[in-house]
Amino acid sequence: LLFALPLDSHTLECMALTRPDRRKEGLFVRLLAA
């Protein structure tokens, strides 16, 4: 998952988390690209 919260009109504060057994598979990068 990736969560994005607007701080102002130009910036998003984001938090991300991936299942421990599915890390290093590029899942976070896919969400970041989205």
Full PDB file with SEQRES, HELIX, SHEET, SSBOND, CRYST1, ORIGX, SCALE, CONECT and MASTER records, all heavy atoms in Angstrom:
SEQRES   1 A   34  LEU LEU PHE ALA LEU PRO LEU ASP SER HIS THR LEU GLU          
SEQRES   2 A   34  CYS MET ALA LEU THR ARG PRO ASP ARG ARG LYS GLU GLY          
SEQRES   3 A   34  LEU PHE VAL ARG LEU LEU ALA ALA                              
HELIX    1 AA1 PRO A   20  ARG A   22  5                                   3    
HELIX    2 AA2 LEU A   27  ALA A   33  1                                   7    
SHEET    1 AA1 2 LEU A   2  PRO A   6  0                                        
SHEET    2 AA1 2 LEU A  12  ALA A  16 -1                                        
CRYST1    1.000    1.000    1.000  90.00  90.00  90.00 P 1           1          
ORIGX1      1.000000  0.000000  0.000000        0.00000                         
ORIGX2      0.000000  1.000000  0.000000        0.00000                         
ORIGX3      0.000000  0.000000  1.000000        0.00000                         
SCALE1      1.000000  0.000000  0.000000        0.00000                         
SCALE2      0.000000  1.000000  0.000000        0.00000                         
SCALE3      0.000000  0.000000  1.000000        0.00000                         
ATOM      1  N   LEU A   1       0.835  -1.199   0.000  1.00  0.00           N  
ATOM      2  CA  LEU A   1       0.000   0.000   0.000  1.00  0.00           C  
ATOM      3  C   LEU A   1       0.868   1.247   0.000  1.00  0.00           C  
ATOM      4  O   LEU A   1       2.011   1.240   0.449  1.00  0.00           O  
ATOM      5  CB  LEU A   1      -0.948   0.009   1.204  1.00  0.00           C  
ATOM      6  CG  LEU A   1      -0.360   0.200   2.602  1.00  0.00           C  
ATOM      7  CD1 LEU A   1      -0.180   1.666   2.966  1.00  0.00           C  
ATOM      8  CD2 LEU A   1      -1.241  -0.467   3.634  1.00  0.00           C  
ATOM      9  N   LEU A   2       0.281   2.319  -0.511  1.00  0.00           N  
ATOM     10  CA  LEU A   2       0.898   3.646  -0.485  1.00  0.00           C  
ATOM     11  C   LEU A   2      -0.189   4.647  -0.137  1.00  0.00           C  
ATOM     12  O   LEU A   2      -1.261   4.630  -0.742  1.00  0.00           O  
ATOM     13  CB  LEU A   2       1.510   3.990  -1.850  1.00  0.00           C  
ATOM     14  CG  LEU A   2       2.227   5.333  -1.936  1.00  0.00           C  
ATOM     15  CD1 LEU A   2       3.626   5.214  -1.356  1.00  0.00           C  
ATOM     16  CD2 LEU A   2       2.325   5.813  -3.371  1.00  0.00           C  
ATOM     17  N   PHE A   3       0.088   5.489   0.863  1.00  0.00           N  
ATOM     18  CA  PHE A   3      -0.874   6.491   1.307  1.00  0.00           C  
ATOM     19  C   PHE A   3      -0.273   7.867   1.081  1.00  0.00           C  
ATOM     20  O   PHE A   3       0.869   8.131   1.478  1.00  0.00           O  
ATOM     21  CB  PHE A   3      -1.205   6.294   2.779  1.00  0.00           C  
ATOM     22  CG  PHE A   3      -2.025   7.408   3.377  1.00  0.00           C  
ATOM     23  CD1 PHE A   3      -3.348   7.597   3.001  1.00  0.00           C  
ATOM     24  CD2 PHE A   3      -1.475   8.272   4.309  1.00  0.00           C  
ATOM     25  CE1 PHE A   3      -4.109   8.623   3.549  1.00  0.00           C  
ATOM     26  CE2 PHE A   3      -2.225   9.295   4.862  1.00  0.00           C  
ATOM     27  CZ  PHE A   3      -3.541   9.475   4.480  1.00  0.00           C  
ATOM     28  N   ALA A   4      -1.025   8.769   0.429  1.00  0.00           N  
ATOM     29  CA  ALA A   4      -0.544  10.114   0.122  1.00  0.00           C  
ATOM     30  C   ALA A   4      -1.498  11.137   0.716  1.00  0.00           C  
ATOM     31  O   ALA A   4      -2.697  11.131   0.422  1.00  0.00           O  
ATOM     32  CB  ALA A   4      -0.429  10.310  -1.389  1.00  0.00           C  
ATOM     33  N   LEU A   5      -0.954  12.020   1.555  1.00  0.00           N  
ATOM     34  CA  LEU A   5      -1.749  13.059   2.208  1.00  0.00           C  
ATOM     35  C   LEU A   5      -1.220  14.424   1.782  1.00  0.00           C  
ATOM     36  O   LEU A   5      -0.035  14.710   1.953  1.00  0.00           O  
ATOM     37  CB  LEU A   5      -1.649  12.924   3.727  1.00  0.00           C  
ATOM     38  CG  LEU A   5      -2.468  13.922   4.553  1.00  0.00           C  
ATOM     39  CD1 LEU A   5      -3.957  13.651   4.366  1.00  0.00           C  
ATOM     40  CD2 LEU A   5      -2.087  13.825   6.021  1.00  0.00           C  
ATOM     41  N   PRO A   6      -2.064  15.293   1.206  1.00  0.00           N  
ATOM     42  CA  PRO A   6      -1.579  16.624   0.785  1.00  0.00           C  
ATOM     43  C   PRO A   6      -1.153  17.467   1.986  1.00  0.00           C  
ATOM     44  O   PRO A   6      -1.905  17.614   2.954  1.00  0.00           O  
ATOM     45  CB  PRO A   6      -2.808  17.233   0.087  1.00  0.00           C  
ATOM     46  CG  PRO A   6      -3.702  16.086  -0.231  1.00  0.00           C  
ATOM     47  CD  PRO A   6      -3.473  15.075   0.840  1.00  0.00           C  
ATOM     48  N   LEU A   7       0.066  18.002   1.914  1.00  0.00           N  
ATOM     49  CA  LEU A   7       0.530  18.951   2.924  1.00  0.00           C  
ATOM     50  C   LEU A   7       0.222  20.376   2.499  1.00  0.00           C  
ATOM     51  O   LEU A   7      -0.106  21.222   3.321  1.00  0.00           O  
ATOM     52  CB  LEU A   7       2.034  18.791   3.157  1.00  0.00           C  
ATOM     53  CG  LEU A   7       2.496  17.484   3.786  1.00  0.00           C  
ATOM     54  CD1 LEU A   7       4.003  17.490   3.959  1.00  0.00           C  
ATOM     55  CD2 LEU A   7       1.807  17.255   5.129  1.00  0.00           C  
ATOM     56  N   ASP A   8       0.366  20.643   1.218  1.00  0.00           N  
ATOM     57  CA  ASP A   8       0.022  21.931   0.625  1.00  0.00           C  
ATOM     58  C   ASP A   8      -0.242  21.682  -0.854  1.00  0.00           C  
ATOM     59  O   ASP A   8      -0.373  20.518  -1.275  1.00  0.00           O  
ATOM     60  CB  ASP A   8       1.141  22.969   0.842  1.00  0.00           C  
ATOM     61  CG  ASP A   8       2.508  22.485   0.379  1.00  0.00           C  
ATOM     62  OD1 ASP A   8       2.590  21.865  -0.707  1.00  0.00           O  
ATOM     63  OD2 ASP A   8       3.504  22.732   1.080  1.00  0.00           O  
ATOM     64  N   SER A   9      -0.328  22.738  -1.638  1.00  0.00           N  
ATOM     65  CA  SER A   9      -0.670  22.577  -3.059  1.00  0.00           C  
ATOM     66  C   SER A   9       0.458  21.952  -3.875  1.00  0.00           C  
ATOM     67  O   SER A   9       0.236  21.560  -5.022  1.00  0.00           O  
ATOM     68  CB  SER A   9      -1.045  23.931  -3.664  1.00  0.00           C  
ATOM     69  OG  SER A   9       0.036  24.853  -3.541  1.00  0.00           O  
ATOM     70  N   HIS A  10       1.657  21.841  -3.298  1.00  0.00           N  
ATOM     71  CA  HIS A  10       2.802  21.334  -4.060  1.00  0.00           C  
ATOM     72  C   HIS A  10       3.391  20.039  -3.501  1.00  0.00           C  
ATOM     73  O   HIS A  10       4.217  19.413  -4.153  1.00  0.00           O  
ATOM     74  CB  HIS A  10       3.917  22.385  -4.101  1.00  0.00           C  
ATOM     75  CG  HIS A  10       3.489  23.714  -4.628  1.00  0.00           C  
ATOM     76  ND1 HIS A  10       3.187  23.926  -5.951  1.00  0.00           N  
ATOM     77  CD2 HIS A  10       3.288  24.902  -3.998  1.00  0.00           C  
ATOM     78  CE1 HIS A  10       2.838  25.194  -6.129  1.00  0.00           C  
ATOM     79  NE2 HIS A  10       2.886  25.800  -4.953  1.00  0.00           N  
ATOM     80  N   THR A  11       2.986  19.613  -2.293  1.00  0.00           N  
ATOM     81  CA  THR A  11       3.679  18.524  -1.619  1.00  0.00           C  
ATOM     82  C   THR A  11       2.715  17.488  -1.060  1.00  0.00           C  
ATOM     83  O   THR A  11       1.683  17.824  -0.493  1.00  0.00           O  
ATOM     84  CB  THR A  11       4.545  19.069  -0.457  1.00  0.00           C  
ATOM     85  OG1 THR A  11       5.346  20.150  -0.932  1.00  0.00           O  
ATOM     86  CG2 THR A  11       5.450  17.982   0.096  1.00  0.00           C  
ATOM     87  N   LEU A  12       3.087  16.226  -1.226  1.00  0.00           N  
ATOM     88  CA  LEU A  12       2.360  15.104  -0.647  1.00  0.00           C  
ATOM     89  C   LEU A  12       3.252  14.406   0.374  1.00  0.00           C  
ATOM     90  O   LEU A  12       4.432  14.155   0.099  1.00  0.00           O  
ATOM     91  CB  LEU A  12       1.963  14.094  -1.725  1.00  0.00           C  
ATOM     92  CG  LEU A  12       1.048  14.574  -2.849  1.00  0.00           C  
ATOM     93  CD1 LEU A  12       0.969  13.511  -3.935  1.00  0.00           C  
ATOM     94  CD2 LEU A  12      -0.348  14.873  -2.305  1.00  0.00           C  
ATOM     95  N   GLU A  13       2.700  14.110   1.547  1.00  0.00           N  
ATOM     96  CA  GLU A  13       3.421  13.274   2.512  1.00  0.00           C  
ATOM     97  C   GLU A  13       2.933  11.854   2.341  1.00  0.00           C  
ATOM     98  O   GLU A  13       1.723  11.594   2.344  1.00  0.00           O  
ATOM     99  CB  GLU A  13       3.187  13.753   3.937  1.00  0.00           C  
ATOM    100  CG  GLU A  13       3.960  12.913   4.963  1.00  0.00           C  
ATOM    101  CD  GLU A  13       3.863  13.468   6.366  1.00  0.00           C  
ATOM    102  OE1 GLU A  13       4.321  14.607   6.588  1.00  0.00           O  
ATOM    103  OE2 GLU A  13       3.300  12.772   7.231  1.00  0.00           O  
ATOM    104  N   CYS A  14       3.868  10.921   2.179  1.00  0.00           N  
ATOM    105  CA  CYS A  14       3.501   9.554   1.826  1.00  0.00           C  
ATOM    106  C   CYS A  14       4.056   8.534   2.813  1.00  0.00           C  
ATOM    107  O   CYS A  14       5.132   8.716   3.386  1.00  0.00           O  
ATOM    108  CB  CYS A  14       4.009   9.212   0.425  1.00  0.00           C  
ATOM    109  SG  CYS A  14       3.230  10.182  -0.872  1.00  0.00           S  
ATOM    110  N   MET A  15       3.288   7.460   2.972  1.00  0.00           N  
ATOM    111  CA  MET A  15       3.711   6.316   3.765  1.00  0.00           C  
ATOM    112  C   MET A  15       3.435   5.067   2.943  1.00  0.00           C  
ATOM    113  O   MET A  15       2.439   5.000   2.215  1.00  0.00           O  
ATOM    114  CB  MET A  15       2.947   6.273   5.090  1.00  0.00           C  
ATOM    115  CG  MET A  15       3.072   7.544   5.916  1.00  0.00           C  
ATOM    116  SD  MET A  15       2.005   7.562   7.370  1.00  0.00           S  
ATOM    117  CE  MET A  15       2.821   6.319   8.364  1.00  0.00           C  
ATOM    118  N   ALA A  16       4.313   4.082   3.069  1.00  0.00           N  
ATOM    119  CA  ALA A  16       4.177   2.871   2.261  1.00  0.00           C  
ATOM    120  C   ALA A  16       4.517   1.645   3.099  1.00  0.00           C  
ATOM    121  O   ALA A  16       5.288   1.720   4.058  1.00  0.00           O  
ATOM    122  CB  ALA A  16       5.084   2.947   1.034  1.00  0.00           C  
ATOM    123  N   LEU A  17       3.941   0.515   2.701  1.00  0.00           N  
ATOM    124  CA  LEU A  17       4.166  -0.733   3.422  1.00  0.00           C  
ATOM    125  C   LEU A  17       3.925  -1.903   2.481  1.00  0.00           C  
ATOM    126  O   LEU A  17       2.983  -1.881   1.689  1.00  0.00           O  
ATOM    127  CB  LEU A  17       3.212  -0.821   4.616  1.00  0.00           C  
ATOM    128  CG  LEU A  17       3.509  -1.869   5.697  1.00  0.00           C  
ATOM    129  CD1 LEU A  17       4.866  -1.585   6.347  1.00  0.00           C  
ATOM    130  CD2 LEU A  17       2.421  -1.852   6.751  1.00  0.00           C  
ATOM    131  N   THR A  18       4.785  -2.923   2.578  1.00  0.00           N  
ATOM    132  CA  THR A  18       4.672  -4.129   1.752  1.00  0.00           C  
ATOM    133  C   THR A  18       4.785  -5.361   2.643  1.00  0.00           C  
ATOM    134  O   THR A  18       5.547  -5.357   3.627  1.00  0.00           O  
ATOM    135  CB  THR A  18       5.775  -4.162   0.682  1.00  0.00           C  
ATOM    136  OG1 THR A  18       5.626  -3.029  -0.182  1.00  0.00           O  
ATOM    137  CG2 THR A  18       5.701  -5.427  -0.157  1.00  0.00           C  
ATOM    138  N   ARG A  19       4.028  -6.386   2.326  1.00  0.00           N  
ATOM    139  CA  ARG A  19       4.113  -7.640   3.093  1.00  0.00           C  
ATOM    140  C   ARG A  19       5.563  -8.106   3.183  1.00  0.00           C  
ATOM    141  O   ARG A  19       6.298  -8.081   2.172  1.00  0.00           O  
ATOM    142  CB  ARG A  19       3.288  -8.740   2.418  1.00  0.00           C  
ATOM    143  CG  ARG A  19       1.796  -8.683   2.665  1.00  0.00           C  
ATOM    144  CD  ARG A  19       1.105  -9.833   1.943  1.00  0.00           C  
ATOM    145  NE  ARG A  19       1.569 -11.126   2.446  1.00  0.00           N  
ATOM    146  CZ  ARG A  19       0.906 -11.852   3.355  1.00  0.00           C  
ATOM    147  NH1 ARG A  19      -0.248 -11.419   3.843  1.00  0.00           N  
ATOM    148  NH2 ARG A  19       1.382 -13.018   3.753  1.00  0.00           N  
ATOM    149  N   PRO A  20       6.000  -8.546   4.348  1.00  0.00           N  
ATOM    150  CA  PRO A  20       7.397  -8.971   4.508  1.00  0.00           C  
ATOM    151  C   PRO A  20       7.825 -10.059   3.533  1.00  0.00           C  
ATOM    152  O   PRO A  20       8.974 -10.067   3.072  1.00  0.00           O  
ATOM    153  CB  PRO A  20       7.449  -9.473   5.966  1.00  0.00           C  
ATOM    154  CG  PRO A  20       6.360  -8.713   6.653  1.00  0.00           C  
ATOM    155  CD  PRO A  20       5.267  -8.557   5.632  1.00  0.00           C  
ATOM    156  N   ASP A  21       6.916 -10.980   3.195  1.00  0.00           N  
ATOM    157  CA  ASP A  21       7.284 -12.078   2.301  1.00  0.00           C  
ATOM    158  C   ASP A  21       7.220 -11.707   0.825  1.00  0.00           C  
ATOM    159  O   ASP A  21       7.522 -12.546  -0.028  1.00  0.00           O  
ATOM    160  CB  ASP A  21       6.397 -13.299   2.562  1.00  0.00           C  
ATOM    161  CG  ASP A  21       4.913 -13.006   2.367  1.00  0.00           C  
ATOM    162  OD1 ASP A  21       4.531 -11.814   2.441  1.00  0.00           O  
ATOM    163  OD2 ASP A  21       4.139 -13.957   2.132  1.00  0.00           O  
ATOM    164  N   ARG A  22       6.846 -10.444   0.509  1.00  0.00           N  
ATOM    165  CA  ARG A  22       6.755 -10.030  -0.891  1.00  0.00           C  
ATOM    166  C   ARG A  22       7.596  -8.776  -1.165  1.00  0.00           C  
ATOM    167  O   ARG A  22       7.354  -8.085  -2.154  1.00  0.00           O  
ATOM    168  CB  ARG A  22       5.292  -9.788  -1.272  1.00  0.00           C  
ATOM    169  CG  ARG A  22       4.398 -11.001  -1.104  1.00  0.00           C  
ATOM    170  CD  ARG A  22       4.847 -12.180  -1.974  1.00  0.00           C  
ATOM    171  NE  ARG A  22       4.797 -11.856  -3.373  1.00  0.00           N  
ATOM    172  CZ  ARG A  22       3.752 -12.091  -4.157  1.00  0.00           C  
ATOM    173  NH1 ARG A  22       2.657 -12.645  -3.647  1.00  0.00           N  
ATOM    174  NH2 ARG A  22       3.791 -11.798  -5.430  1.00  0.00           N  
ATOM    175  N   ARG A  23       8.540  -8.509  -0.321  1.00  0.00           N  
ATOM    176  CA  ARG A  23       9.409  -7.366  -0.539  1.00  0.00           C  
ATOM    177  C   ARG A  23      10.478  -7.689  -1.576  1.00  0.00           C  
ATOM    178  O   ARG A  23      10.719  -8.829  -1.913  1.00  0.00           O  
ATOM    179  CB  ARG A  23      10.039  -6.932   0.796  1.00  0.00           C  
ATOM    180  CG  ARG A  23       8.995  -6.387   1.777  1.00  0.00           C  
ATOM    181  CD  ARG A  23       9.549  -6.121   3.158  1.00  0.00           C  
ATOM    182  NE  ARG A  23       8.500  -5.631   4.051  1.00  0.00           N  
ATOM    183  CZ  ARG A  23       8.652  -5.418   5.351  1.00  0.00           C  
ATOM    184  NH1 ARG A  23       9.825  -5.649   5.917  1.00  0.00           N  
ATOM    185  NH2 ARG A  23       7.635  -4.984   6.085  1.00  0.00           N  
ATOM    186  N   LYS A  24      11.109  -6.649  -2.089  1.00  0.00           N  
ATOM    187  CA  LYS A  24      12.154  -6.763  -3.119  1.00  0.00           C  
ATOM    188  C   LYS A  24      11.615  -7.334  -4.421  1.00  0.00           C  
ATOM    189  O   LYS A  24      12.352  -7.941  -5.195  1.00  0.00           O  
ATOM    190  CB  LYS A  24      13.342  -7.585  -2.609  1.00  0.00           C  
ATOM    191  CG  LYS A  24      14.018  -6.988  -1.384  1.00  0.00           C  
ATOM    192  CD  LYS A  24      15.232  -7.805  -0.948  1.00  0.00           C  
ATOM    193  CE  LYS A  24      15.889  -7.186   0.277  1.00  0.00           C  
ATOM    194  NZ  LYS A  24      17.084  -7.940   0.714  1.00  0.00           N  
ATOM    195  N   GLU A  25      10.309  -7.126  -4.669  1.00  0.00           N  
ATOM    196  CA  GLU A  25       9.697  -7.554  -5.935  1.00  0.00           C  
ATOM    197  C   GLU A  25       9.268  -6.360  -6.777  1.00  0.00           C  
ATOM    198  O   GLU A  25       8.638  -6.535  -7.812  1.00  0.00           O  
ATOM    199  CB  GLU A  25       8.487  -8.460  -5.673  1.00  0.00           C  
ATOM    200  CG  GLU A  25       8.823  -9.773  -4.991  1.00  0.00           C  
ATOM    201  CD  GLU A  25       7.599 -10.666  -4.808  1.00  0.00           C  
ATOM    202  OE1 GLU A  25       6.574 -10.398  -5.476  1.00  0.00           O  
ATOM    203  OE2 GLU A  25       7.668 -11.615  -4.017  1.00  0.00           O  
ATOM    204  N   GLY A  26       9.594  -5.152  -6.337  1.00  0.00           N  
ATOM    205  CA  GLY A  26       9.240  -3.957  -7.097  1.00  0.00           C  
ATOM    206  C   GLY A  26       7.805  -3.489  -6.893  1.00  0.00           C  
ATOM    207  O   GLY A  26       7.316  -2.643  -7.655  1.00  0.00           O  
ATOM    208  N   LEU A  27       7.120  -3.984  -5.854  1.00  0.00           N  
ATOM    209  CA  LEU A  27       5.727  -3.605  -5.642  1.00  0.00           C  
ATOM    210  C   LEU A  27       5.608  -2.139  -5.233  1.00  0.00           C  
ATOM    211  O   LEU A  27       4.727  -1.423  -5.717  1.00  0.00           O  
ATOM    212  CB  LEU A  27       5.092  -4.504  -4.572  1.00  0.00           C  
ATOM    213  CG  LEU A  27       5.167  -6.019  -4.828  1.00  0.00           C  
ATOM    214  CD1 LEU A  27       4.433  -6.767  -3.731  1.00  0.00           C  
ATOM    215  CD2 LEU A  27       4.584  -6.358  -6.199  1.00  0.00           C  
ATOM    216  N   PHE A  28       6.488  -1.698  -4.347  1.00  0.00           N  
ATOM    217  CA  PHE A  28       6.474  -0.294  -3.936  1.00  0.00           C  
ATOM    218  C   PHE A  28       6.746   0.624  -5.120  1.00  0.00           C  
ATOM    219  O   PHE A  28       6.101   1.675  -5.269  1.00  0.00           O  
ATOM    220  CB  PHE A  28       7.513  -0.064  -2.836  1.00  0.00           C  
ATOM    221  CG  PHE A  28       7.841   1.381  -2.606  1.00  0.00           C  
ATOM    222  CD1 PHE A  28       6.912   2.242  -2.027  1.00  0.00           C  
ATOM    223  CD2 PHE A  28       9.074   1.896  -2.971  1.00  0.00           C  
ATOM    224  CE1 PHE A  28       7.211   3.582  -1.811  1.00  0.00           C  
ATOM    225  CE2 PHE A  28       9.379   3.223  -2.762  1.00  0.00           C  
ATOM    226  CZ  PHE A  28       8.449   4.074  -2.183  1.00  0.00           C  
ATOM    227  N   VAL A  29       7.663   0.246  -5.979  1.00  0.00           N  
ATOM    228  CA  VAL A  29       7.980   1.066  -7.151  1.00  0.00           C  
ATOM    229  C   VAL A  29       6.766   1.194  -8.064  1.00  0.00           C  
ATOM    230  O   VAL A  29       6.519   2.273  -8.636  1.00  0.00           O  
ATOM    231  CB  VAL A  29       9.187   0.476  -7.911  1.00  0.00           C  
ATOM    232  CG1 VAL A  29       9.432   1.234  -9.213  1.00  0.00           C  
ATOM    233  CG2 VAL A  29      10.433   0.518  -7.045  1.00  0.00           C  
ATOM    234  N   ARG A  30       5.987   0.130  -8.188  1.00  0.00           N  
ATOM    235  CA  ARG A  30       4.769   0.194  -8.997  1.00  0.00           C  
ATOM    236  C   ARG A  30       3.768   1.184  -8.413  1.00  0.00           C  
ATOM    237  O   ARG A  30       3.152   1.972  -9.132  1.00  0.00           O  
ATOM    238  CB  ARG A  30       4.128  -1.193  -9.091  1.00  0.00           C  
ATOM    239  CG  ARG A  30       4.832  -2.171 -10.025  1.00  0.00           C  
ATOM    240  CD  ARG A  30       3.999  -3.418 -10.209  1.00  0.00           C  
ATOM    241  NE  ARG A  30       2.671  -3.110 -10.740  1.00  0.00           N  
ATOM    242  CZ  ARG A  30       1.669  -3.989 -10.806  1.00  0.00           C  
ATOM    243  NH1 ARG A  30       1.849  -5.221 -10.350  1.00  0.00           N  
ATOM    244  NH2 ARG A  30       0.500  -3.633 -11.308  1.00  0.00           N  
ATOM    245  N   LEU A  31       3.607   1.143  -7.085  1.00  0.00           N  
ATOM    246  CA  LEU A  31       2.681   2.071  -6.441  1.00  0.00           C  
ATOM    247  C   LEU A  31       3.181   3.507  -6.559  1.00  0.00           C  
ATOM    248  O   LEU A  31       2.390   4.421  -6.787  1.00  0.00           O  
ATOM    249  CB  LEU A  31       2.514   1.694  -4.972  1.00  0.00           C  
ATOM    250  CG  LEU A  31       1.824   0.357  -4.694  1.00  0.00           C  
ATOM    251  CD1 LEU A  31       1.789   0.081  -3.196  1.00  0.00           C  
ATOM    252  CD2 LEU A  31       0.409   0.349  -5.257  1.00  0.00           C  
ATOM    253  N   LEU A  32       4.476   3.699  -6.419  1.00  0.00           N  
ATOM    254  CA  LEU A  32       5.044   5.038  -6.538  1.00  0.00           C  
ATOM    255  C   LEU A  32       4.841   5.582  -7.949  1.00  0.00           C  
ATOM    256  O   LEU A  32       4.530   6.764  -8.132  1.00  0.00           O  
ATOM    257  CB  LEU A  32       6.537   5.000  -6.188  1.00  0.00           C  
ATOM    258  CG  LEU A  32       7.267   6.338  -6.135  1.00  0.00           C  
ATOM    259  CD1 LEU A  32       6.628   7.276  -5.128  1.00  0.00           C  
ATOM    260  CD2 LEU A  32       8.735   6.118  -5.787  1.00  0.00           C  
ATOM    261  N   ALA A  33       4.977   4.725  -8.940  1.00  0.00           N  
ATOM    262  CA  ALA A  33       4.744   5.148 -10.323  1.00  0.00           C  
ATOM    263  C   ALA A  33       3.279   5.513 -10.539  1.00  0.00           C  
ATOM    264  O   ALA A  33       2.966   6.481 -11.246  1.00  0.00           O  
ATOM    265  CB  ALA A  33       5.162   4.030 -11.283  1.00  0.00           C  
ATOM    266  N   ALA A  34       2.373   4.773  -9.904  1.00  0.00           N  
ATOM    267  CA  ALA A  34       0.949   5.085 -10.016  1.00  0.00           C  
ATOM    268  C   ALA A  34       0.642   6.442  -9.390  1.00  0.00           C  
ATOM    269  O   ALA A  34      -0.138   7.236  -9.930  1.00  0.00           O  
ATOM    270  CB  ALA A  34       0.124   3.992  -9.349  1.00  0.00           C  
TER     271      ALA A  34                                                      
MASTER        0    0    0    2    2    0    0    6  270    1    0    3          
END                                                                             
